[in-house]
Amino acid sequence: MSSYAEQNLVRGLSFLAERQAAIANNLANVDTTSYKRRVAVADQEPSRFHAMLAEQMPTIRYREQSDYGRGIVRQTDNQLDVALDANSWLRVQNAGGAQFFTRNGQLQIAKDGRLTTRGGEAVLDTSGNPIQLGAGELAPSKITISPNGQIQDPITGQTWGPIAIVAVDKPDGLQPTGDGLYIDTLSQKPTTVGDGLQQGFLEGSNVDSLQELVQMITVERSFAATQKALTGVGRLQENIIASILR
């Protein structure tokens, strides 16, 4: 059986590889609207690996989580683009009825008049229902969206919504599923925020490309140092065995 040191060094190499993959994914999404950078995290395991010299030594568990810091908000002047305050989310629903959270405010009016994301998920109102605007010739040519999510046709005065703007107590319980969508793995009850929406703006990625490149170099150096330590442990074991057999 390999030694405790070898096993933990190998686990360390695995963590560094996962961290490097997260950095590469962040760099690939530096221009993706509302993308939240992924961060590799090392936690102490609640269980114990084995006793060594009459003292139990904790092992390390590696995982990845999102950094939910707000990205840079840029003005687009598109009436269907919206940006949210920090810690706020939109609630959307796919064709199968599954609900998601998103901060991607690139919205559109579908052919059937529904307000949807670019991926086709229906945007929900505060009652949990899809927001239905006019279809075809009845579709509003211009809309205004207030900070509380209320949608209005400035010409006719007709209103829809308001768009559900919510917050979750434990954002770490949100798991990304792609296309800027997140599912709640903790089945939390979101709290209605009720304001904090900006029409004509979009939130960009919160990835700092320079910072990620620096992190990538650091990981590469740590990986090389860990490989060197693993080789040293192997040589130490060989020397011990050779000394015993003399």
Protein backbone atom coordinates (compact mmCIF):
# COMPACT_ATOMS: atom_id res chain seq x y z
CA MET A 1 0.00 0.00 0.00
CA SER A 2 1.34 3.43 -0.84
CA SER A 3 2.23 5.76 2.00
CA TYR A 4 0.04 8.49 3.45
CA ALA A 5 2.40 11.09 1.97
CA GLU A 6 2.17 9.62 -1.52
CA GLN A 7 -1.61 9.38 -1.43
CA ASN A 8 -2.01 12.99 -0.35
CA LEU A 9 0.52 14.26 -2.89
CA VAL A 10 -1.39 12.44 -5.63
CA ARG A 11 -4.63 13.98 -4.34
CA GLY A 12 -2.86 17.33 -4.44
CA LEU A 13 -1.92 16.80 -8.08
CA SER A 14 -5.55 15.93 -8.84
CA PHE A 15 -6.70 19.14 -7.15
CA LEU A 16 -4.19 21.23 -9.10
CA ALA A 17 -5.38 19.64 -12.34
CA GLU A 18 -9.00 20.47 -11.47
CA ARG A 19 -8.00 24.00 -10.54
CA GLN A 20 -6.20 24.43 -13.86
CA ALA A 21 -9.30 23.18 -15.69
CA ALA A 22 -11.46 25.71 -13.82
CA ILE A 23 -9.08 28.53 -14.77
CA ALA A 24 -9.12 27.46 -18.43
CA ASN A 25 -12.93 27.41 -18.36
CA ASN A 26 -12.97 30.90 -16.82
CA LEU A 27 -10.70 32.26 -19.54
CA ALA A 28 -12.88 30.66 -22.21
CA ASN A 29 -15.91 32.52 -20.80
CA VAL A 30 -14.30 35.90 -20.16
CA ASP A 31 -16.71 37.51 -22.66
CA THR A 32 -19.80 35.46 -21.74
CA THR A 33 -22.69 37.56 -20.42
CA SER A 34 -23.14 37.24 -16.62
CA TYR A 35 -20.72 34.26 -16.41
CA LYS A 36 -19.55 33.54 -12.83
CA ARG A 37 -15.98 32.34 -12.48
CA ARG A 38 -15.43 28.89 -11.00
CA VAL A 39 -13.02 28.47 -8.09
CA ALA A 40 -11.42 25.23 -6.88
CA VAL A 41 -11.60 24.89 -3.09
CA ALA A 42 -9.84 22.50 -0.67
CA ASP A 43 -11.75 21.55 2.49
CA GLN A 44 -10.80 19.36 5.42
CA GLU A 45 -12.70 16.09 5.30
CA PRO A 46 -15.00 15.48 8.30
CA SER A 47 -13.89 11.82 8.34
CA ARG A 48 -10.41 10.48 9.21
CA PHE A 49 -8.12 8.63 6.81
CA HIS A 50 -6.13 6.40 9.16
CA ALA A 51 -4.10 6.57 12.32
CA MET A 52 -0.43 7.34 11.98
CA LEU A 53 1.90 7.26 14.97
CA ALA A 54 -1.18 7.04 17.23
CA GLU A 55 -2.49 10.32 15.84
CA GLN A 56 -5.29 10.51 13.30
CA MET A 57 -4.49 12.72 10.35
CA PRO A 58 -7.29 14.48 8.43
CA THR A 59 -7.49 14.19 4.68
CA ILE A 60 -8.48 16.93 2.26
CA ARG A 61 -11.58 17.09 0.06
CA TYR A 62 -11.48 19.08 -3.16
CA ARG A 63 -14.46 20.76 -4.77
CA GLU A 64 -15.35 23.61 -7.10
CA GLN A 65 -17.66 26.55 -6.44
CA SER A 66 -18.79 29.70 -8.19
CA ASP A 67 -17.65 33.21 -7.39
CA TYR A 68 -20.92 35.17 -7.44
CA GLY A 69 -19.29 38.58 -7.46
CA ARG A 70 -20.98 41.01 -9.83
CA GLY A 71 -19.43 41.45 -13.25
CA ILE A 72 -18.92 44.80 -14.96
CA VAL A 73 -22.22 46.29 -16.15
CA ARG A 74 -22.22 47.88 -19.58
CA GLN A 75 -24.86 49.99 -21.27
CA THR A 76 -26.43 48.49 -24.42
CA ASP A 77 -29.54 50.69 -24.83
CA ASN A 78 -31.41 47.54 -25.90
CA GLN A 79 -34.88 47.69 -24.36
CA LEU A 80 -34.84 43.91 -23.73
CA ASP A 81 -31.48 43.86 -21.97
CA VAL A 82 -31.60 44.00 -18.17
CA ALA A 83 -28.95 43.92 -15.45
CA LEU A 84 -29.51 43.05 -11.80
CA ASP A 85 -28.07 44.23 -8.52
CA ALA A 86 -25.68 41.89 -6.72
CA ASN A 87 -27.29 38.79 -5.13
CA SER A 88 -30.43 39.10 -7.29
CA TRP A 89 -31.67 36.54 -9.80
CA LEU A 90 -34.35 36.09 -12.44
CA ARG A 91 -36.55 33.00 -12.30
CA VAL A 92 -37.08 31.22 -15.61
CA GLN A 93 -38.75 28.01 -16.74
CA ASN A 94 -38.04 25.66 -19.63
CA ALA A 95 -40.57 23.89 -21.86
CA GLY A 96 -40.60 20.90 -19.49
CA GLY A 97 -41.62 23.02 -16.50
CA ALA A 98 -38.23 22.90 -14.74
CA GLN A 99 -37.30 26.19 -13.08
CA PHE A 100 -33.89 27.82 -13.01
CA PHE A 101 -32.20 30.95 -11.73
CA THR A 102 -30.21 33.21 -14.03
CA ARG A 103 -28.50 36.59 -14.10
CA ASN A 104 -28.26 36.63 -17.89
CA GLY A 105 -30.54 39.52 -18.79
CA GLN A 106 -30.46 39.12 -22.58
CA LEU A 107 -34.21 38.77 -23.05
CA GLN A 108 -36.39 38.52 -26.15
CA ILE A 109 -40.05 38.29 -27.14
CA ALA A 110 -40.81 34.89 -28.67
CA LYS A 111 -43.12 34.43 -31.65
CA ASP A 112 -45.95 33.43 -29.30
CA GLY A 113 -45.49 36.64 -27.29
CA ARG A 114 -43.74 35.11 -24.29
CA LEU A 115 -40.87 36.99 -22.67
CA THR A 116 -37.95 34.56 -22.77
CA THR A 117 -34.21 34.26 -22.41
CA ARG A 118 -32.03 33.86 -25.50
CA GLY A 119 -32.14 30.13 -24.77
CA GLY A 120 -35.94 30.08 -24.93
CA GLU A 121 -36.69 29.76 -21.20
CA ALA A 122 -39.81 31.67 -20.16
CA VAL A 123 -39.27 34.56 -17.74
CA LEU A 124 -41.54 34.23 -14.70
CA ASP A 125 -43.47 36.92 -12.87
CA THR A 126 -43.78 37.27 -9.10
CA SER A 127 -46.64 34.75 -9.10
CA GLY A 128 -44.49 32.12 -10.81
CA ASN A 129 -46.27 32.38 -14.17
CA PRO A 130 -44.63 32.95 -17.58
CA ILE A 131 -44.92 36.55 -18.72
CA GLN A 132 -47.06 36.74 -21.86
CA LEU A 133 -46.83 39.84 -24.00
CA GLY A 134 -48.73 40.38 -27.22
CA ALA A 135 -47.90 38.13 -30.19
CA GLY A 136 -47.62 39.14 -33.85
CA GLU A 137 -49.18 42.52 -34.56
CA LEU A 138 -50.20 42.78 -30.91
CA ALA A 139 -46.59 42.67 -29.74
CA PRO A 140 -45.51 46.01 -28.26
CA SER A 141 -43.02 47.87 -30.42
CA LYS A 142 -41.55 49.54 -27.37
CA ILE A 143 -41.52 48.62 -23.70
CA THR A 144 -40.16 50.11 -20.52
CA ILE A 145 -39.07 48.01 -17.56
CA SER A 146 -39.01 49.70 -14.17
CA PRO A 147 -36.49 48.86 -11.42
CA ASN A 148 -39.10 46.62 -9.75
CA GLY A 149 -39.56 44.60 -12.96
CA GLN A 150 -42.88 46.08 -14.06
CA ILE A 151 -43.18 46.02 -17.86
CA GLN A 152 -45.20 48.72 -19.61
CA ASP A 153 -46.12 49.71 -23.13
CA PRO A 154 -45.53 53.49 -23.03
CA ILE A 155 -47.89 54.00 -25.97
CA THR A 156 -50.97 52.13 -24.73
CA GLY A 157 -50.18 52.10 -21.03
CA GLN A 158 -50.69 48.33 -20.81
CA THR A 159 -48.61 46.59 -18.16
CA TRP A 160 -47.28 43.05 -17.58
CA GLY A 161 -45.41 41.34 -14.78
CA PRO A 162 -43.68 42.36 -12.70
CA ILE A 163 -40.66 40.21 -13.47
CA ALA A 164 -39.67 38.08 -10.48
CA ILE A 165 -36.46 39.49 -9.00
CA VAL A 166 -35.41 37.18 -6.18
CA ALA A 167 -32.56 36.37 -3.82
CA VAL A 168 -31.48 33.04 -2.32
CA ASP A 169 -30.04 32.66 1.19
CA LYS A 170 -27.35 30.18 0.18
CA PRO A 171 -26.09 30.87 -3.35
CA ASP A 172 -23.50 28.11 -2.93
CA GLY A 173 -26.44 25.72 -3.22
CA LEU A 174 -26.91 26.82 -6.84
CA GLN A 175 -25.37 24.54 -9.44
CA PRO A 176 -24.59 25.79 -12.96
CA THR A 177 -26.18 23.81 -15.79
CA GLY A 178 -24.90 25.85 -18.74
CA ASP A 179 -26.19 28.85 -20.71
CA GLY A 180 -26.10 30.99 -17.57
CA LEU A 181 -28.72 28.83 -15.82
CA TYR A 182 -28.51 27.52 -12.26
CA ILE A 183 -30.56 24.92 -10.41
CA ASP A 184 -31.14 25.03 -6.66
CA THR A 185 -29.78 21.83 -5.11
CA LEU A 186 -31.01 22.83 -1.63
CA SER A 187 -34.67 23.47 -2.58
CA GLN A 188 -34.51 26.95 -1.02
CA LYS A 189 -37.44 29.31 -0.96
CA PRO A 190 -36.27 32.44 -2.80
CA THR A 191 -37.06 35.83 -1.33
CA THR A 192 -38.65 38.44 -3.60
CA VAL A 193 -36.34 41.44 -3.82
CA GLY A 194 -38.71 43.59 -5.81
CA ASP A 195 -36.23 46.06 -7.28
CA GLY A 196 -32.68 46.51 -8.51
CA LEU A 197 -33.23 46.00 -12.23
CA GLN A 198 -31.63 48.23 -14.87
CA GLN A 199 -33.11 48.31 -18.35
CA GLY A 200 -30.74 48.77 -21.28
CA PHE A 201 -27.76 47.29 -19.45
CA LEU A 202 -26.05 43.88 -19.33
CA GLU A 203 -23.79 42.32 -16.72
CA GLY A 204 -20.59 40.91 -18.16
CA SER A 205 -18.42 38.07 -16.89
CA ASN A 206 -16.71 38.58 -13.53
CA VAL A 207 -13.54 36.91 -14.83
CA ASP A 208 -10.36 39.03 -14.69
CA SER A 209 -8.25 37.51 -17.48
CA LEU A 210 -4.97 38.87 -16.06
CA GLN A 211 -5.73 37.45 -12.62
CA GLU A 212 -6.62 34.07 -14.13
CA LEU A 213 -3.35 33.96 -16.10
CA VAL A 214 -1.39 34.67 -12.92
CA GLN A 215 -3.34 31.89 -11.17
CA MET A 216 -2.54 29.54 -14.05
CA ILE A 217 1.20 30.18 -13.70
CA THR A 218 0.96 29.63 -9.93
CA VAL A 219 -0.83 26.31 -10.43
CA GLU A 220 1.79 25.15 -12.94
CA ARG A 221 4.58 25.90 -10.47
CA SER A 222 2.73 24.17 -7.63
CA PHE A 223 2.13 21.15 -9.85
CA ALA A 224 5.86 20.89 -10.66
CA ALA A 225 6.79 21.26 -6.97
CA THR A 226 4.31 18.56 -5.95
CA GLN A 227 5.65 16.19 -8.61
CA LYS A 228 9.14 16.81 -7.29
CA ALA A 229 8.01 16.09 -3.72
CA LEU A 230 6.30 12.88 -4.84
CA THR A 231 9.51 11.74 -6.53
CA GLY A 232 11.44 12.56 -3.35
CA VAL A 233 9.08 10.48 -1.21
CA GLY A 234 9.52 7.54 -3.56
CA ARG A 235 13.31 7.78 -3.37
CA LEU A 236 13.15 8.06 0.42
CA GLN A 237 11.14 4.85 0.62
CA GLU A 238 13.62 3.09 -1.67
CA ASN A 239 16.52 4.21 0.55
CA ILE A 240 14.75 3.02 3.70
CA ILE A 241 14.04 -0.38 2.16
CA ALA A 242 17.65 -0.68 0.94
CA SER A 243 18.97 0.16 4.42
CA ILE A 244 16.75 -2.47 6.06
CA LEU A 245 17.87 -5.17 3.64
CA ARG A 246 21.58 -4.57 4.29
